[in-house]
Amino acid sequence: MDHYADVPVVGWISSLLFPTLQGAGVQIYEYQSSFLHAKCMLIDRWAMLGSGNLNFRSSLHDIEANYATTLPATLQTLSQQYRLDLSVSIKIRQDTSTLLHRLRRLLFRPLIYFSYWM
């Protein structure tokens, strides 16, 4: 998650999903250093890096690019960069009882249904 979002409302809508994700054991960190529109996935000896989202809309409509690899040197570099990025990130601890969270939920929850077009 990026602290410096290019479209703030998308970040607010996304944050509504945090309690569910965190309840399932997902740890969410907010990158603080700068704006970063990239996704990096490291799984065992495989990695994917790019701007594309892993959803149906991105596959059909968006012009994005992803790079997948199993090259050991690239995996090591990505792993090191991930650790550096994590060191300048803040772990999100969602408090769903705050007035701000409740207000965002009331205002933005209906927009989740329109996320396909966002």
C-alpha atoms as a PDB file:
ATOM      1  CA  MET A   1       0.000   0.000   0.000  1.00  0.00           C
ATOM      2  CA  ASP A   2       1.276   3.448  -0.871  1.00  0.00           C
ATOM      3  CA  HIS A   3       0.997   6.429   1.497  1.00  0.00           C
ATOM      4  CA  TYR A   4       1.184   8.841  -1.463  1.00  0.00           C
ATOM      5  CA  ALA A   5      -1.760   7.645  -3.540  1.00  0.00           C
ATOM      6  CA  ASP A   6      -2.356   9.139  -6.974  1.00  0.00           C
ATOM      7  CA  VAL A   7      -6.126   8.799  -6.408  1.00  0.00           C
ATOM      8  CA  PRO A   8      -6.825   9.224  -2.653  1.00  0.00           C
ATOM      9  CA  VAL A   9     -10.406   7.931  -2.829  1.00  0.00           C
ATOM     10  CA  VAL A  10      -9.090   4.556  -4.047  1.00  0.00           C
ATOM     11  CA  GLY A  11      -6.906   4.330  -0.937  1.00  0.00           C
ATOM     12  CA  TRP A  12      -9.857   5.173   1.286  1.00  0.00           C
ATOM     13  CA  ILE A  13     -12.009   2.530  -0.384  1.00  0.00           C
ATOM     14  CA  SER A  14      -9.202  -0.029  -0.135  1.00  0.00           C
ATOM     15  CA  SER A  15      -8.808   0.665   3.574  1.00  0.00           C
ATOM     16  CA  LEU A  16     -12.385  -0.543   4.114  1.00  0.00           C
ATOM     17  CA  LEU A  17     -11.172  -4.028   3.217  1.00  0.00           C
ATOM     18  CA  PHE A  18      -8.288  -3.958   5.720  1.00  0.00           C
ATOM     19  CA  PRO A  19     -10.213  -5.320   8.742  1.00  0.00           C
ATOM     20  CA  THR A  20     -11.294  -8.393   6.772  1.00  0.00           C
ATOM     21  CA  LEU A  21      -7.785  -8.981   5.438  1.00  0.00           C
ATOM     22  CA  GLN A  22      -6.171  -8.421   8.834  1.00  0.00           C
ATOM     23  CA  GLY A  23      -8.697 -10.749  10.443  1.00  0.00           C
ATOM     24  CA  ALA A  24      -7.439 -13.431   8.048  1.00  0.00           C
ATOM     25  CA  GLY A  25      -3.845 -12.812   9.142  1.00  0.00           C
ATOM     26  CA  VAL A  26      -2.686 -10.447   6.379  1.00  0.00           C
ATOM     27  CA  GLN A  27      -0.186  -7.809   7.484  1.00  0.00           C
ATOM     28  CA  ILE A  28      -0.577  -4.497   5.641  1.00  0.00           C
ATOM     29  CA  TYR A  29       2.211  -1.939   5.394  1.00  0.00           C
ATOM     30  CA  GLU A  30       2.081   1.574   3.980  1.00  0.00           C
ATOM     31  CA  TYR A  31       5.144   2.601   1.958  1.00  0.00           C
ATOM     32  CA  GLN A  32       6.270   6.054   3.163  1.00  0.00           C
ATOM     33  CA  SER A  33       9.209   7.021   0.982  1.00  0.00           C
ATOM     34  CA  SER A  34       7.527   8.230  -2.221  1.00  0.00           C
ATOM     35  CA  PHE A  35       4.824   7.410  -4.724  1.00  0.00           C
ATOM     36  CA  LEU A  36       5.221   3.883  -6.066  1.00  0.00           C
ATOM     37  CA  HIS A  37       2.813   2.335  -8.558  1.00  0.00           C
ATOM     38  CA  ALA A  38       4.254  -1.150  -8.715  1.00  0.00           C
ATOM     39  CA  LYS A  39       3.381  -4.571  -7.479  1.00  0.00           C
ATOM     40  CA  CYS A  40       5.947  -7.168  -6.519  1.00  0.00           C
ATOM     41  CA  MET A  41       5.145 -10.744  -5.682  1.00  0.00           C
ATOM     42  CA  LEU A  42       7.823 -13.141  -4.393  1.00  0.00           C
ATOM     43  CA  ILE A  43       6.715 -16.743  -3.974  1.00  0.00           C
ATOM     44  CA  ASP A  44       9.294 -19.455  -3.328  1.00  0.00           C
ATOM     45  CA  ARG A  45      11.622 -19.310  -6.370  1.00  0.00           C
ATOM     46  CA  TRP A  46       9.314 -17.216  -8.569  1.00  0.00           C
ATOM     47  CA  ALA A  47       8.685 -13.471  -8.792  1.00  0.00           C
ATOM     48  CA  MET A  48       6.463 -11.059 -10.647  1.00  0.00           C
ATOM     49  CA  LEU A  49       7.020  -7.311 -10.847  1.00  0.00           C
ATOM     50  CA  GLY A  50       4.989  -4.706 -12.683  1.00  0.00           C
ATOM     51  CA  SER A  51       2.169  -2.214 -12.704  1.00  0.00           C
ATOM     52  CA  GLY A  52      -0.659  -4.608 -13.564  1.00  0.00           C
ATOM     53  CA  ASN A  53      -3.263  -5.649 -11.043  1.00  0.00           C
ATOM     54  CA  LEU A  54      -4.224  -9.273 -10.590  1.00  0.00           C
ATOM     55  CA  ASN A  55      -7.832  -8.837 -11.608  1.00  0.00           C
ATOM     56  CA  PHE A  56     -10.077  -9.386 -14.592  1.00  0.00           C
ATOM     57  CA  ARG A  57     -10.330  -5.697 -15.483  1.00  0.00           C
ATOM     58  CA  SER A  58      -6.564  -5.225 -15.777  1.00  0.00           C
ATOM     59  CA  SER A  59      -6.329  -8.256 -18.027  1.00  0.00           C
ATOM     60  CA  LEU A  60      -8.956  -6.894 -20.424  1.00  0.00           C
ATOM     61  CA  HIS A  61      -8.869  -3.104 -20.333  1.00  0.00           C
ATOM     62  CA  ASP A  62      -5.751  -1.651 -18.765  1.00  0.00           C
ATOM     63  CA  ILE A  63      -2.430  -1.115 -20.469  1.00  0.00           C
ATOM     64  CA  GLU A  64      -0.082  -2.487 -17.840  1.00  0.00           C
ATOM     65  CA  ALA A  65       3.074  -4.567 -17.895  1.00  0.00           C
ATOM     66  CA  ASN A  66       4.304  -7.343 -15.618  1.00  0.00           C
ATOM     67  CA  TYR A  67       7.559  -9.263 -15.654  1.00  0.00           C
ATOM     68  CA  ALA A  68       7.762 -12.796 -14.253  1.00  0.00           C
ATOM     69  CA  THR A  69      11.034 -14.564 -13.552  1.00  0.00           C
ATOM     70  CA  THR A  70      12.745 -17.491 -11.891  1.00  0.00           C
ATOM     71  CA  LEU A  71      16.292 -16.122 -12.345  1.00  0.00           C
ATOM     72  CA  PRO A  72      18.117 -16.508  -8.987  1.00  0.00           C
ATOM     73  CA  ALA A  73      20.029 -13.202  -9.266  1.00  0.00           C
ATOM     74  CA  THR A  74      16.824 -11.276 -10.003  1.00  0.00           C
ATOM     75  CA  LEU A  75      14.997 -13.005  -7.145  1.00  0.00           C
ATOM     76  CA  GLN A  76      17.795 -12.027  -4.757  1.00  0.00           C
ATOM     77  CA  THR A  77      17.730  -8.392  -5.932  1.00  0.00           C
ATOM     78  CA  LEU A  78      13.938  -8.183  -5.605  1.00  0.00           C
ATOM     79  CA  SER A  79      14.070  -9.756  -2.147  1.00  0.00           C
ATOM     80  CA  GLN A  80      16.682  -7.229  -0.999  1.00  0.00           C
ATOM     81  CA  GLN A  81      14.667  -4.332  -2.418  1.00  0.00           C
ATOM     82  CA  TYR A  82      11.513  -5.631  -0.741  1.00  0.00           C
ATOM     83  CA  ARG A  83      13.281  -5.628   2.632  1.00  0.00           C
ATOM     84  CA  LEU A  84      14.507  -2.064   2.031  1.00  0.00           C
ATOM     85  CA  ASP A  85      11.009  -0.917   1.060  1.00  0.00           C
ATOM     86  CA  LEU A  86       9.540  -2.619   4.118  1.00  0.00           C
ATOM     87  CA  SER A  87      12.035  -0.769   6.345  1.00  0.00           C
ATOM     88  CA  VAL A  88      10.531   2.569   5.211  1.00  0.00           C
ATOM     89  CA  SER A  89       6.945   1.376   5.589  1.00  0.00           C
ATOM     90  CA  ILE A  90       4.537   1.614   8.512  1.00  0.00           C
ATOM     91  CA  LYS A  91       2.431  -1.334   9.609  1.00  0.00           C
ATOM     92  CA  ILE A  92      -1.266  -0.474   9.409  1.00  0.00           C
ATOM     93  CA  ARG A  93      -3.254  -1.150  12.545  1.00  0.00           C
ATOM     94  CA  GLN A  94      -6.864  -0.545  11.628  1.00  0.00           C
ATOM     95  CA  ASP A  95      -9.105   0.790  14.381  1.00  0.00           C
ATOM     96  CA  THR A  96     -12.647   0.305  13.114  1.00  0.00           C
ATOM     97  CA  SER A  97     -14.161   2.097  16.089  1.00  0.00           C
ATOM     98  CA  THR A  98     -12.959   5.588  15.127  1.00  0.00           C
ATOM     99  CA  LEU A  99     -15.361   8.184  13.812  1.00  0.00           C
ATOM    100  CA  LEU A 100     -13.176   8.682  10.721  1.00  0.00           C
ATOM    101  CA  HIS A 101     -13.315   4.982   9.833  1.00  0.00           C
ATOM    102  CA  ARG A 102     -17.083   4.881  10.309  1.00  0.00           C
ATOM    103  CA  LEU A 103     -17.535   8.004   8.197  1.00  0.00           C
ATOM    104  CA  ARG A 104     -15.356   6.630   5.385  1.00  0.00           C
ATOM    105  CA  ARG A 105     -17.239   3.352   5.525  1.00  0.00           C
ATOM    106  CA  LEU A 106     -20.573   5.145   5.245  1.00  0.00           C
ATOM    107  CA  LEU A 107     -19.419   7.352   2.363  1.00  0.00           C
ATOM    108  CA  PHE A 108     -17.224   5.003   0.364  1.00  0.00           C
ATOM    109  CA  ARG A 109     -18.517   1.463   0.919  1.00  0.00           C
ATOM    110  CA  PRO A 110     -21.070   1.781  -1.916  1.00  0.00           C
ATOM    111  CA  LEU A 111     -18.208   2.701  -4.283  1.00  0.00           C
ATOM    112  CA  ILE A 112     -16.712  -0.784  -3.871  1.00  0.00           C
ATOM    113  CA  TYR A 113     -19.443  -1.991  -6.225  1.00  0.00           C
ATOM    114  CA  PHE A 114     -18.143   0.397  -8.895  1.00  0.00           C
ATOM    115  CA  SER A 115     -14.468  -0.536  -8.462  1.00  0.00           C
ATOM    116  CA  TYR A 116     -14.458  -2.293 -11.843  1.00  0.00           C
ATOM    117  CA  TRP A 117     -14.625   1.115 -13.539  1.00  0.00           C
ATOM    118  CA  MET A 118     -12.114   2.868 -11.278  1.00  0.00           C
END
